[in-house]
Amino acid sequence: MLMKKKAKEPFVPAAKRETVRHEILALLKKRELSAKEISSEIRISEADVLENLEHIRLMMRKENTQILITPASCKKCGFVFVKRNRLTKPGKCPVCRSEQIHEPRFFINPPRFDSQKK
């Protein structure tokens, strides 16, 4: 019994999209977002967003830009986590022990160029 060979369809590569970090950068240049909001926009996990934000923060040190972080704050007493270096949301407020915390929010500040430089 002879079987007909089916003609192979040509390989079509998947549409190229920007890297996740480039997508995060583009979002943060437009508006201030939390890790949860970035996660829902790009459709990756919140943990992956935070990991990528760490890399972006390190990358920004080399450039003349920076990630501005609006620190997390307690919804109950208003305590602001100013000295916190981690990008994750804190678990509890150290003052009132409440677990109702506003997430930190991120924004990318455009580079500044000195017009006085010659």
PDB file of N, CA and C in Angstrom:
ATOM      1  N   MET A   1       0.827  -1.167   0.000  1.00  0.00           N
ATOM      2  CA  MET A   1       0.000   0.000   0.000  1.00  0.00           C
ATOM      3  C   MET A   1       0.885   1.249   0.000  1.00  0.00           C
ATOM      4  N   LEU A   2       0.690   2.063  -0.986  1.00  0.00           N
ATOM      5  CA  LEU A   2       1.463   3.294  -1.109  1.00  0.00           C
ATOM      6  C   LEU A   2       0.724   4.448  -0.442  1.00  0.00           C
ATOM      7  N   MET A   3       1.477   5.207   0.331  1.00  0.00           N
ATOM      8  CA  MET A   3       0.878   6.362   1.002  1.00  0.00           C
ATOM      9  C   MET A   3       1.386   7.631   0.328  1.00  0.00           C
ATOM     10  N   LYS A   4       0.482   8.524   0.135  1.00  0.00           N
ATOM     11  CA  LYS A   4       0.886   9.799  -0.434  1.00  0.00           C
ATOM     12  C   LYS A   4       1.577  10.628   0.639  1.00  0.00           C
ATOM     13  N   LYS A   5       2.652  11.240   0.253  1.00  0.00           N
ATOM     14  CA  LYS A   5       3.339  12.129   1.184  1.00  0.00           C
ATOM     15  C   LYS A   5       2.670  13.497   1.136  1.00  0.00           C
ATOM     16  N   LYS A   6       2.400  13.964   2.298  1.00  0.00           N
ATOM     17  CA  LYS A   6       1.759  15.270   2.413  1.00  0.00           C
ATOM     18  C   LYS A   6       2.824  16.355   2.241  1.00  0.00           C
ATOM     19  N   ALA A   7       2.517  17.330   1.436  1.00  0.00           N
ATOM     20  CA  ALA A   7       3.465  18.422   1.228  1.00  0.00           C
ATOM     21  C   ALA A   7       3.623  19.193   2.532  1.00  0.00           C
ATOM     22  N   LYS A   8       4.869  19.433   2.889  1.00  0.00           N
ATOM     23  CA  LYS A   8       5.136  20.181   4.118  1.00  0.00           C
ATOM     24  C   LYS A   8       4.826  21.652   3.909  1.00  0.00           C
ATOM     25  N   GLU A   9       4.196  22.200   4.926  1.00  0.00           N
ATOM     26  CA  GLU A   9       3.932  23.634   4.878  1.00  0.00           C
ATOM     27  C   GLU A   9       5.206  24.371   5.270  1.00  0.00           C
ATOM     28  N   PRO A  10       5.458  25.502   4.646  1.00  0.00           N
ATOM     29  CA  PRO A  10       6.687  26.232   4.972  1.00  0.00           C
ATOM     30  C   PRO A  10       6.666  26.694   6.428  1.00  0.00           C
ATOM     31  N   PHE A  11       7.839  26.708   7.023  1.00  0.00           N
ATOM     32  CA  PHE A  11       7.986  27.144   8.408  1.00  0.00           C
ATOM     33  C   PHE A  11       7.779  28.653   8.480  1.00  0.00           C
ATOM     34  N   VAL A  12       6.879  29.063   9.339  1.00  0.00           N
ATOM     35  CA  VAL A  12       6.624  30.484   9.548  1.00  0.00           C
ATOM     36  C   VAL A  12       7.016  30.802  10.980  1.00  0.00           C
ATOM     37  N   PRO A  13       8.064  31.609  11.163  1.00  0.00           N
ATOM     38  CA  PRO A  13       8.490  31.923  12.538  1.00  0.00           C
ATOM     39  C   PRO A  13       7.431  32.756  13.250  1.00  0.00           C
ATOM     40  N   ALA A  14       7.429  32.613  14.556  1.00  0.00           N
ATOM     41  CA  ALA A  14       6.493  33.391  15.371  1.00  0.00           C
ATOM     42  C   ALA A  14       6.816  34.869  15.232  1.00  0.00           C
ATOM     43  N   ALA A  15       5.805  35.677  15.328  1.00  0.00           N
ATOM     44  CA  ALA A  15       6.003  37.119  15.208  1.00  0.00           C
ATOM     45  C   ALA A  15       6.924  37.586  16.324  1.00  0.00           C
ATOM     46  N   LYS A  16       7.916  38.357  15.939  1.00  0.00           N
ATOM     47  CA  LYS A  16       8.862  38.849  16.940  1.00  0.00           C
ATOM     48  C   LYS A  16       8.206  39.942  17.746  1.00  0.00           C
ATOM     49  N   ARG A  17       8.402  39.857  19.029  1.00  0.00           N
ATOM     50  CA  ARG A  17       7.926  40.916  19.888  1.00  0.00           C
ATOM     51  C   ARG A  17       9.107  41.410  20.712  1.00  0.00           C
ATOM     52  N   GLU A  18       8.936  42.560  21.282  1.00  0.00           N
ATOM     53  CA  GLU A  18      10.016  43.115  22.091  1.00  0.00           C
ATOM     54  C   GLU A  18      10.295  42.195  23.277  1.00  0.00           C
ATOM     55  N   THR A  19      11.485  42.306  23.819  1.00  0.00           N
ATOM     56  CA  THR A  19      11.778  41.526  25.010  1.00  0.00           C
ATOM     57  C   THR A  19      10.917  42.043  26.154  1.00  0.00           C
ATOM     58  N   VAL A  20      10.769  41.224  27.157  1.00  0.00           N
ATOM     59  CA  VAL A  20       9.942  41.595  28.310  1.00  0.00           C
ATOM     60  C   VAL A  20      10.459  42.881  28.939  1.00  0.00           C
ATOM     61  N   ARG A  21      11.768  42.992  29.064  1.00  0.00           N
ATOM     62  CA  ARG A  21      12.328  44.206  29.693  1.00  0.00           C
ATOM     63  C   ARG A  21      12.034  45.452  28.869  1.00  0.00           C
ATOM     64  N   HIS A  22      12.094  45.316  27.534  1.00  0.00           N
ATOM     65  CA  HIS A  22      11.771  46.470  26.692  1.00  0.00           C
ATOM     66  C   HIS A  22      10.302  46.847  26.829  1.00  0.00           C
ATOM     67  N   GLU A  23       9.439  45.845  26.960  1.00  0.00           N
ATOM     68  CA  GLU A  23       8.015  46.116  27.156  1.00  0.00           C
ATOM     69  C   GLU A  23       7.783  46.833  28.484  1.00  0.00           C
ATOM     70  N   ILE A  24       8.472  46.380  29.531  1.00  0.00           N
ATOM     71  CA  ILE A  24       8.340  47.023  30.847  1.00  0.00           C
ATOM     72  C   ILE A  24       8.836  48.467  30.780  1.00  0.00           C
ATOM     73  N   LEU A  25       9.986  48.663  30.130  1.00  0.00           N
ATOM     74  CA  LEU A  25      10.524  50.022  29.980  1.00  0.00           C
ATOM     75  C   LEU A  25       9.542  50.931  29.252  1.00  0.00           C
ATOM     76  N   ALA A  26       8.950  50.427  28.177  1.00  0.00           N
ATOM     77  CA  ALA A  26       8.004  51.236  27.402  1.00  0.00           C
ATOM     78  C   ALA A  26       6.791  51.618  28.250  1.00  0.00           C
ATOM     79  N   LEU A  27       6.290  50.684  29.039  1.00  0.00           N
ATOM     80  CA  LEU A  27       5.146  50.980  29.902  1.00  0.00           C
ATOM     81  C   LEU A  27       5.488  52.024  30.954  1.00  0.00           C
ATOM     82  N   LEU A  28       6.664  51.857  31.578  1.00  0.00           N
ATOM     83  CA  LEU A  28       7.037  52.748  32.682  1.00  0.00           C
ATOM     84  C   LEU A  28       7.422  54.148  32.204  1.00  0.00           C
ATOM     85  N   LYS A  29       7.763  54.279  30.935  1.00  0.00           N
ATOM     86  CA  LYS A  29       8.048  55.609  30.402  1.00  0.00           C
ATOM     87  C   LYS A  29       6.755  56.378  30.169  1.00  0.00           C
ATOM     88  N   LYS A  30       5.643  55.641  30.002  1.00  0.00           N
ATOM     89  CA  LYS A  30       4.352  56.290  29.750  1.00  0.00           C
ATOM     90  C   LYS A  30       3.646  56.705  31.032  1.00  0.00           C
ATOM     91  N   ARG A  31       3.650  55.798  32.040  1.00  0.00           N
ATOM     92  CA  ARG A  31       2.905  56.098  33.267  1.00  0.00           C
ATOM     93  C   ARG A  31       3.437  55.292  34.444  1.00  0.00           C
ATOM     94  N   GLU A  32       3.038  55.708  35.626  1.00  0.00           N
ATOM     95  CA  GLU A  32       3.445  55.046  36.869  1.00  0.00           C
ATOM     96  C   GLU A  32       2.571  53.808  37.079  1.00  0.00           C
ATOM     97  N   LEU A  33       3.220  52.665  37.341  1.00  0.00           N
ATOM     98  CA  LEU A  33       2.499  51.406  37.512  1.00  0.00           C
ATOM     99  C   LEU A  33       3.070  50.599  38.671  1.00  0.00           C
ATOM    100  N   SER A  34       2.237  49.740  39.249  1.00  0.00           N
ATOM    101  CA  SER A  34       2.705  48.786  40.265  1.00  0.00           C
ATOM    102  C   SER A  34       3.129  47.507  39.548  1.00  0.00           C
ATOM    103  N   ALA A  35       3.805  46.616  40.260  1.00  0.00           N
ATOM    104  CA  ALA A  35       4.232  45.348  39.679  1.00  0.00           C
ATOM    105  C   ALA A  35       3.027  44.529  39.226  1.00  0.00           C
ATOM    106  N   LYS A  36       1.942  44.598  39.981  1.00  0.00           N
ATOM    107  CA  LYS A  36       0.723  43.855  39.629  1.00  0.00           C
ATOM    108  C   LYS A  36       0.125  44.380  38.325  1.00  0.00           C
ATOM    109  N   GLU A  37       0.131  45.692  38.152  1.00  0.00           N
ATOM    110  CA  GLU A  37      -0.400  46.289  36.925  1.00  0.00           C
ATOM    111  C   GLU A  37       0.468  45.943  35.717  1.00  0.00           C
ATOM    112  N   ILE A  38       1.780  45.967  35.897  1.00  0.00           N
ATOM    113  CA  ILE A  38       2.693  45.587  34.816  1.00  0.00           C
ATOM    114  C   ILE A  38       2.456  44.127  34.446  1.00  0.00           C
ATOM    115  N   SER A  39       2.312  43.287  35.463  1.00  0.00           N
ATOM    116  CA  SER A  39       2.074  41.862  35.265  1.00  0.00           C
ATOM    117  C   SER A  39       0.837  41.612  34.414  1.00  0.00           C
ATOM    118  N   SER A  40      -0.237  42.319  34.691  1.00  0.00           N
ATOM    119  CA  SER A  40      -1.468  42.110  33.929  1.00  0.00           C
ATOM    120  C   SER A  40      -1.367  42.668  32.511  1.00  0.00           C
ATOM    121  N   GLU A  41      -0.609  43.730  32.316  1.00  0.00           N
ATOM    122  CA  GLU A  41      -0.451  44.321  30.977  1.00  0.00           C
ATOM    123  C   GLU A  41       0.402  43.435  30.063  1.00  0.00           C
ATOM    124  N   ILE A  42       1.491  42.905  30.599  1.00  0.00           N
ATOM    125  CA  ILE A  42       2.423  42.122  29.788  1.00  0.00           C
ATOM    126  C   ILE A  42       2.088  40.631  29.816  1.00  0.00           C
ATOM    127  N   ARG A  43       1.270  40.236  30.766  1.00  0.00           N
ATOM    128  CA  ARG A  43       0.850  38.840  30.943  1.00  0.00           C
ATOM    129  C   ARG A  43       2.017  37.916  31.311  1.00  0.00           C
ATOM    130  N   ILE A  44       2.759  38.360  32.319  1.00  0.00           N
ATOM    131  CA  ILE A  44       3.777  37.512  32.950  1.00  0.00           C
ATOM    132  C   ILE A  44       3.519  37.571  34.453  1.00  0.00           C
ATOM    133  N   SER A  45       4.147  36.668  35.192  1.00  0.00           N
ATOM    134  CA  SER A  45       3.905  36.633  36.634  1.00  0.00           C
ATOM    135  C   SER A  45       4.486  37.878  37.316  1.00  0.00           C
ATOM    136  N   GLU A  46       3.925  38.183  38.470  1.00  0.00           N
ATOM    137  CA  GLU A  46       4.402  39.325  39.239  1.00  0.00           C
ATOM    138  C   GLU A  46       5.856  39.116  39.681  1.00  0.00           C
ATOM    139  N   ALA A  47       6.215  37.874  39.997  1.00  0.00           N
ATOM    140  CA  ALA A  47       7.592  37.563  40.394  1.00  0.00           C
ATOM    141  C   ALA A  47       8.560  37.843  39.236  1.00  0.00           C
ATOM    142  N   ASP A  48       8.142  37.501  38.013  1.00  0.00           N
ATOM    143  CA  ASP A  48       8.983  37.783  36.846  1.00  0.00           C
ATOM    144  C   ASP A  48       9.123  39.287  36.618  1.00  0.00           C
ATOM    145  N   VAL A  49       8.052  40.023  36.863  1.00  0.00           N
ATOM    146  CA  VAL A  49       8.108  41.482  36.724  1.00  0.00           C
ATOM    147  C   VAL A  49       9.136  42.049  37.703  1.00  0.00           C
ATOM    148  N   LEU A  50       9.076  41.605  38.956  1.00  0.00           N
ATOM    149  CA  LEU A  50       9.998  42.122  39.976  1.00  0.00           C
ATOM    150  C   LEU A  50      11.443  41.758  39.658  1.00  0.00           C
ATOM    151  N   GLU A  51      11.648  40.551  39.142  1.00  0.00           N
ATOM    152  CA  GLU A  51      13.001  40.127  38.749  1.00  0.00           C
ATOM    153  C   GLU A  51      13.524  41.005  37.616  1.00  0.00           C
ATOM    154  N   ASN A  52      12.681  41.267  36.630  1.00  0.00           N
ATOM    155  CA  ASN A  52      13.081  42.116  35.511  1.00  0.00           C
ATOM    156  C   ASN A  52      13.294  43.555  35.946  1.00  0.00           C
ATOM    157  N   LEU A  53      12.496  44.032  36.889  1.00  0.00           N
ATOM    158  CA  LEU A  53      12.688  45.396  37.398  1.00  0.00           C
ATOM    159  C   LEU A  53      14.038  45.552  38.090  1.00  0.00           C
ATOM    160  N   GLU A  54      14.478  44.511  38.789  1.00  0.00           N
ATOM    161  CA  GLU A  54      15.805  44.549  39.425  1.00  0.00           C
ATOM    162  C   GLU A  54      16.894  44.718  38.367  1.00  0.00           C
ATOM    163  N   HIS A  55      16.783  43.951  37.273  1.00  0.00           N
ATOM    164  CA  HIS A  55      17.771  44.053  36.194  1.00  0.00           C
ATOM    165  C   HIS A  55      17.709  45.416  35.514  1.00  0.00           C
ATOM    166  N   ILE A  56      16.499  45.916  35.324  1.00  0.00           N
ATOM    167  CA  ILE A  56      16.346  47.235  34.708  1.00  0.00           C
ATOM    168  C   ILE A  56      16.959  48.301  35.606  1.00  0.00           C
ATOM    169  N   ARG A  57      16.763  48.169  36.912  1.00  0.00           N
ATOM    170  CA  ARG A  57      17.328  49.140  37.853  1.00  0.00           C
ATOM    171  C   ARG A  57      18.854  49.146  37.780  1.00  0.00           C
ATOM    172  N   LEU A  58      19.461  47.966  37.666  1.00  0.00           N
ATOM    173  CA  LEU A  58      20.913  47.890  37.530  1.00  0.00           C
ATOM    174  C   LEU A  58      21.373  48.476  36.196  1.00  0.00           C
ATOM    175  N   MET A  59      20.618  48.205  35.144  1.00  0.00           N
ATOM    176  CA  MET A  59      20.951  48.721  33.821  1.00  0.00           C
ATOM    177  C   MET A  59      20.882  50.245  33.795  1.00  0.00           C
ATOM    178  N   MET A  60      19.924  50.797  34.522  1.00  0.00           N
ATOM    179  CA  MET A  60      19.724  52.238  34.534  1.00  0.00           C
ATOM    180  C   MET A  60      20.883  52.988  35.181  1.00  0.00           C
ATOM    181  N   ARG A  61      21.600  52.309  36.057  1.00  0.00           N
ATOM    182  CA  ARG A  61      22.749  52.954  36.704  1.00  0.00           C
ATOM    183  C   ARG A  61      23.793  53.361  35.673  1.00  0.00           C
ATOM    184  N   LYS A  62      23.907  52.581  34.601  1.00  0.00           N
ATOM    185  CA  LYS A  62      24.897  52.859  33.560  1.00  0.00           C
ATOM    186  C   LYS A  62      24.474  54.020  32.672  1.00  0.00           C
ATOM    187  N   GLU A  63      23.168  54.235  32.585  1.00  0.00           N
ATOM    188  CA  GLU A  63      22.641  55.302  31.741  1.00  0.00           C
ATOM    189  C   GLU A  63      22.344  56.525  32.595  1.00  0.00           C
ATOM    190  N   ASN A  64      21.876  57.539  31.972  1.00  0.00           N
ATOM    191  CA  ASN A  64      21.556  58.777  32.693  1.00  0.00           C
ATOM    192  C   ASN A  64      20.066  58.820  33.054  1.00  0.00           C
ATOM    193  N   THR A  65      19.493  57.657  33.358  1.00  0.00           N
ATOM    194  CA  THR A  65      18.083  57.568  33.743  1.00  0.00           C
ATOM    195  C   THR A  65      17.962  56.787  35.035  1.00  0.00           C
ATOM    196  N   GLN A  66      16.795  56.826  35.613  1.00  0.00           N
ATOM    197  CA  GLN A  66      16.578  56.063  36.829  1.00  0.00           C
ATOM    198  C   GLN A  66      15.113  55.678  36.948  1.00  0.00           C
ATOM    199  N   ILE A  67      14.873  54.619  37.696  1.00  0.00           N
ATOM    200  CA  ILE A  67      13.508  54.231  37.989  1.00  0.00           C
ATOM    201  C   ILE A  67      13.110  54.975  39.257  1.00  0.00           C
ATOM    202  N   LEU A  68      12.044  55.738  39.160  1.00  0.00           N
ATOM    203  CA  LEU A  68      11.518  56.416  40.335  1.00  0.00           C
ATOM    204  C   LEU A  68      10.532  55.474  41.004  1.00  0.00           C
ATOM    205  N   ILE A  69      10.656  55.336  42.305  1.00  0.00           N
ATOM    206  CA  ILE A  69       9.800  54.421  43.045  1.00  0.00           C
ATOM    207  C   ILE A  69       8.986  55.217  44.057  1.00  0.00           C
ATOM    208  N   THR A  70       7.657  55.121  43.921  1.00  0.00           N
ATOM    209  CA  THR A  70       6.776  55.663  44.943  1.00  0.00           C
ATOM    210  C   THR A  70       6.678  54.565  45.988  1.00  0.00           C
ATOM    211  N   PRO A  71       7.205  54.781  47.187  1.00  0.00           N
ATOM    212  CA  PRO A  71       7.287  53.698  48.164  1.00  0.00           C
ATOM    213  C   PRO A  71       5.927  53.176  48.615  1.00  0.00           C
ATOM    214  N   ALA A  72       5.925  51.940  49.085  1.00  0.00           N
ATOM    215  CA  ALA A  72       4.720  51.324  49.640  1.00  0.00           C
ATOM    216  C   ALA A  72       4.308  52.103  50.878  1.00  0.00           C
ATOM    217  N   SER A  73       2.996  52.070  51.171  1.00  0.00           N
ATOM    218  CA  SER A  73       2.506  52.754  52.369  1.00  0.00           C
ATOM    219  C   SER A  73       1.364  51.951  52.979  1.00  0.00           C
ATOM    220  N   CYS A  74       1.185  52.143  54.277  1.00  0.00           N
ATOM    221  CA  CYS A  74       0.133  51.444  55.007  1.00  0.00           C
ATOM    222  C   CYS A  74      -1.210  52.124  54.748  1.00  0.00           C
ATOM    223  N   LYS A  75      -2.212  51.339  54.411  1.00  0.00           N
ATOM    224  CA  LYS A  75      -3.554  51.886  54.171  1.00  0.00           C
ATOM    225  C   LYS A  75      -4.217  52.319  55.469  1.00  0.00           C
ATOM    226  N   LYS A  76      -3.812  51.701  56.582  1.00  0.00           N
ATOM    227  CA  LYS A  76      -4.469  51.966  57.865  1.00  0.00           C
ATOM    228  C   LYS A  76      -3.910  53.207  58.573  1.00  0.00           C
ATOM    229  N   CYS A  77      -2.579  53.252  58.765  1.00  0.00           N
ATOM    230  CA  CYS A  77      -2.002  54.361  59.530  1.00  0.00           C
ATOM    231  C   CYS A  77      -1.231  55.355  58.671  1.00  0.00           C
ATOM    232  N   GLY A  78      -0.968  55.025  57.408  1.00  0.00           N
ATOM    233  CA  GLY A  78      -0.274  55.945  56.520  1.00  0.00           C
ATOM    234  C   GLY A  78       1.242  55.871  56.553  1.00  0.00           C
ATOM    235  N   PHE A  79       1.813  54.920  57.303  1.00  0.00           N
ATOM    236  CA  PHE A  79       3.270  54.784  57.364  1.00  0.00           C
ATOM    237  C   PHE A  79       3.818  54.553  55.957  1.00  0.00           C
ATOM    238  N   VAL A  80       4.904  55.258  55.605  1.00  0.00           N
ATOM    239  CA  VAL A  80       5.521  55.133  54.288  1.00  0.00           C
ATOM    240  C   VAL A  80       6.856  54.416  54.436  1.00  0.00           C
ATOM    241  N   PHE A  81       7.075  53.389  53.633  1.00  0.00           N
ATOM    242  CA  PHE A  81       8.295  52.574  53.672  1.00  0.00           C
ATOM    243  C   PHE A  81       9.385  53.238  52.828  1.00  0.00           C
ATOM    244  N   VAL A  82       9.884  54.370  53.289  1.00  0.00           N
ATOM    245  CA  VAL A  82      10.834  55.175  52.525  1.00  0.00           C
ATOM    246  C   VAL A  82      12.195  54.498  52.390  1.00  0.00           C
ATOM    247  N   LYS A  83      12.701  53.903  53.446  1.00  0.00           N
ATOM    248  CA  LYS A  83      14.056  53.353  53.443  1.00  0.00           C
ATOM    249  C   LYS A  83      14.141  51.936  52.884  1.00  0.00           C
ATOM    250  N   ARG A  84      13.066  51.402  52.380  1.00  0.00           N
ATOM    251  CA  ARG A  84      13.036  50.034  51.871  1.00  0.00           C
ATOM    252  C   ARG A  84      13.697  49.973  50.502  1.00  0.00           C
ATOM    253  N   ASN A  85      14.691  49.087  50.354  1.00  0.00           N
ATOM    254  CA  ASN A  85      15.405  48.933  49.085  1.00  0.00           C
ATOM    255  C   ASN A  85      14.787  47.885  48.173  1.00  0.00           C
ATOM    256  N   ARG A  86      14.065  46.944  48.760  1.00  0.00           N
ATOM    257  CA  ARG A  86      13.451  45.882  47.953  1.00  0.00           C
ATOM    258  C   ARG A  86      12.269  46.430  47.170  1.00  0.00           C
ATOM    259  N   LEU A  87      12.032  45.851  46.008  1.00  0.00           N
ATOM    260  CA  LEU A  87      10.948  46.304  45.153  1.00  0.00           C
ATOM    261  C   LEU A  87       9.617  45.631  45.484  1.00  0.00           C
ATOM    262  N   THR A  88       9.663  44.590  46.301  1.00  0.00           N
ATOM    263  CA  THR A  88       8.455  43.849  46.640  1.00  0.00           C
ATOM    264  C   THR A  88       7.596  44.620  47.637  1.00  0.00           C
ATOM    265  N   LYS A  89       6.332  44.235  47.711  1.00  0.00           N
ATOM    266  CA  LYS A  89       5.399  44.838  48.666  1.00  0.00           C
ATOM    267  C   LYS A  89       5.691  44.275  50.056  1.00  0.00           C
ATOM    268  N   PRO A  90       5.790  45.119  51.075  1.00  0.00           N
ATOM    269  CA  PRO A  90       6.030  44.620  52.439  1.00  0.00           C
ATOM    270  C   PRO A  90       4.855  43.782  52.933  1.00  0.00           C
ATOM    271  N   GLY A  91       5.117  42.912  53.889  1.00  0.00           N
ATOM    272  CA  GLY A  91       4.070  42.057  54.435  1.00  0.00           C
ATOM    273  C   GLY A  91       3.200  42.753  55.464  1.00  0.00           C
ATOM    274  N   LYS A  92       3.831  43.472  56.397  1.00  0.00           N
ATOM    275  CA  LYS A  92       3.097  44.137  57.478  1.00  0.00           C
ATOM    276  C   LYS A  92       3.676  45.513  57.738  1.00  0.00           C
ATOM    277  N   CYS A  93       2.847  46.360  58.285  1.00  0.00           N
ATOM    278  CA  CYS A  93       3.290  47.688  58.712  1.00  0.00           C
ATOM    279  C   CYS A  93       4.016  47.539  60.046  1.00  0.00           C
ATOM    280  N   PRO A  94       5.209  48.123  60.192  1.00  0.00           N
ATOM    281  CA  PRO A  94       5.929  48.016  61.464  1.00  0.00           C
ATOM    282  C   PRO A  94       5.288  48.834  62.592  1.00  0.00           C
ATOM    283  N   VAL A  95       4.429  49.777  62.262  1.00  0.00           N
ATOM    284  CA  VAL A  95       3.806  50.629  63.266  1.00  0.00           C
ATOM    285  C   VAL A  95       2.527  50.001  63.813  1.00  0.00           C
ATOM    286  N   CYS A  96       1.568  49.711  62.931  1.00  0.00           N
ATOM    287  CA  CYS A  96       0.263  49.224  63.384  1.00  0.00           C
ATOM    288  C   CYS A  96       0.043  47.734  63.111  1.00  0.00           C
ATOM    289  N   ARG A  97       1.011  47.081  62.483  1.00  0.00           N
ATOM    290  CA  ARG A  97       0.968  45.642  62.166  1.00  0.00           C
ATOM    291  C   ARG A  97      -0.115  45.267  61.154  1.00  0.00           C
ATOM    292  N   SER A  98      -0.688  46.240  60.487  1.00  0.00           N
ATOM    293  CA  SER A  98      -1.715  45.985  59.481  1.00  0.00           C
ATOM    294  C   SER A  98      -1.073  45.343  58.249  1.00  0.00           C
ATOM    295  N   GLU A  99      -1.806  44.479  57.593  1.00  0.00           N
ATOM    296  CA  GLU A  99      -1.325  43.843  56.365  1.00  0.00           C
ATOM    297  C   GLU A  99      -1.916  44.511  55.133  1.00  0.00           C
ATOM    298  N   GLN A 100      -2.658  45.580  55.333  1.00  0.00           N
ATOM    299  CA  GLN A 100      -3.241  46.321  54.213  1.00  0.00           C
ATOM    300  C   GLN A 100      -2.245  47.383  53.762  1.00  0.00           C
ATOM    301  N   ILE A 101      -1.490  47.042  52.732  1.00  0.00           N
ATOM    302  CA  ILE A 101      -0.393  47.886  52.265  1.00  0.00           C
ATOM    303  C   ILE A 101      -0.622  48.275  50.804  1.00  0.00           C
ATOM    304  N   HIS A 102      -0.426  49.561  50.490  1.00  0.00           N
ATOM    305  CA  HIS A 102      -0.405  50.001  49.095  1.00  0.00           C
ATOM    306  C   HIS A 102       0.907  49.525  48.489  1.00  0.00           C
ATOM    307  N   GLU A 103       0.857  48.982  47.290  1.00  0.00           N
ATOM    308  CA  GLU A 103       2.066  48.491  46.619  1.00  0.00           C
ATOM    309  C   GLU A 103       2.972  49.650  46.202  1.00  0.00           C
ATOM    310  N   PRO A 104       4.287  49.386  46.097  1.00  0.00           N
ATOM    311  CA  PRO A 104       5.163  50.416  45.526  1.00  0.00           C
ATOM    312  C   PRO A 104       4.829  50.586  44.047  1.00  0.00           C
ATOM    313  N   ARG A 105       5.029  51.780  43.539  1.00  0.00           N
ATOM    314  CA  ARG A 105       4.738  52.070  42.127  1.00  0.00           C
ATOM    315  C   ARG A 105       6.016  52.552  41.461  1.00  0.00           C
ATOM    316  N   PHE A 106       6.138  52.292  40.171  1.00  0.00           N
ATOM    317  CA  PHE A 106       7.372  52.547  39.445  1.00  0.00           C
ATOM    318  C   PHE A 106       7.125  53.437  38.236  1.00  0.00           C
ATOM    319  N   PHE A 107       8.125  54.275  37.935  1.00  0.00           N
ATOM    320  CA  PHE A 107       8.062  55.168  36.787  1.00  0.00           C
ATOM    321  C   PHE A 107       9.491  55.418  36.332  1.00  0.00           C
ATOM    322  N   ILE A 108       9.689  55.575  35.035  1.00  0.00           N
ATOM    323  CA  ILE A 108      11.042  55.851  34.538  1.00  0.00           C
ATOM    324  C   ILE A 108      11.160  57.322  34.226  1.00  0.00           C
ATOM    325  N   ASN A 109      12.139  57.927  34.872  1.00  0.00           N
ATOM    326  CA  ASN A 109      12.444  59.327  34.676  1.00  0.00           C
ATOM    327  C   ASN A 109      13.254  59.466  33.391  1.00  0.00           C
ATOM    328  N   PRO A 110      12.855  60.336  32.472  1.00  0.00           N
ATOM    329  CA  PRO A 110      13.639  60.515  31.251  1.00  0.00           C
ATOM    330  C   PRO A 110      15.018  61.086  31.567  1.00  0.00           C
ATOM    331  N   PRO A 111      15.994  60.799  30.714  1.00  0.00           N
ATOM    332  CA  PRO A 111      17.349  61.294  30.986  1.00  0.00           C
ATOM    333  C   PRO A 111      17.409  62.813  30.956  1.00  0.00           C
ATOM    334  N   ARG A 112      18.289  63.332  31.784  1.00  0.00           N
ATOM    335  CA  ARG A 112      18.490  64.779  31.818  1.00  0.00           C
ATOM    336  C   ARG A 112      19.830  65.087  31.162  1.00  0.00           C
ATOM    337  N   PHE A 113      19.827  66.085  30.348  1.00  0.00           N
ATOM    338  CA  PHE A 113      21.056  66.508  29.704  1.00  0.00           C
ATOM    339  C   PHE A 113      21.314  67.944  30.110  1.00  0.00           C
ATOM    340  N   ASP A 114      22.540  68.177  30.546  1.00  0.00           N
ATOM    341  CA  ASP A 114      22.892  69.537  30.936  1.00  0.00           C
ATOM    342  C   ASP A 114      23.088  70.394  29.697  1.00  0.00           C
ATOM    343  N   SER A 115      22.342  71.465  29.594  1.00  0.00           N
ATOM    344  CA  SER A 115      22.477  72.352  28.437  1.00  0.00           C
ATOM    345  C   SER A 115      23.723  73.226  28.564  1.00  0.00           C
ATOM    346  N   GLN A 116      24.307  73.259  29.766  1.00  0.00           N
ATOM    347  CA  GLN A 116      25.476  74.089  30.004  1.00  0.00           C
ATOM    348  C   GLN A 116      26.785  73.400  29.598  1.00  0.00           C
ATOM    349  N   LYS A 117      26.740  72.073  29.375  1.00  0.00           N
ATOM    350  CA  LYS A 117      27.967  71.353  29.021  1.00  0.00           C
ATOM    351  C   LYS A 117      28.459  71.798  27.650  1.00  0.00           C
ATOM    352  N   LYS A 118      29.774  71.892  27.539  1.00  0.00           N
ATOM    353  CA  LYS A 118      30.378  72.283  26.264  1.00  0.00           C
ATOM    354  C   LYS A 118      31.396  71.279  25.827  1.00  0.00           C
TER     355      LYS A 118
END
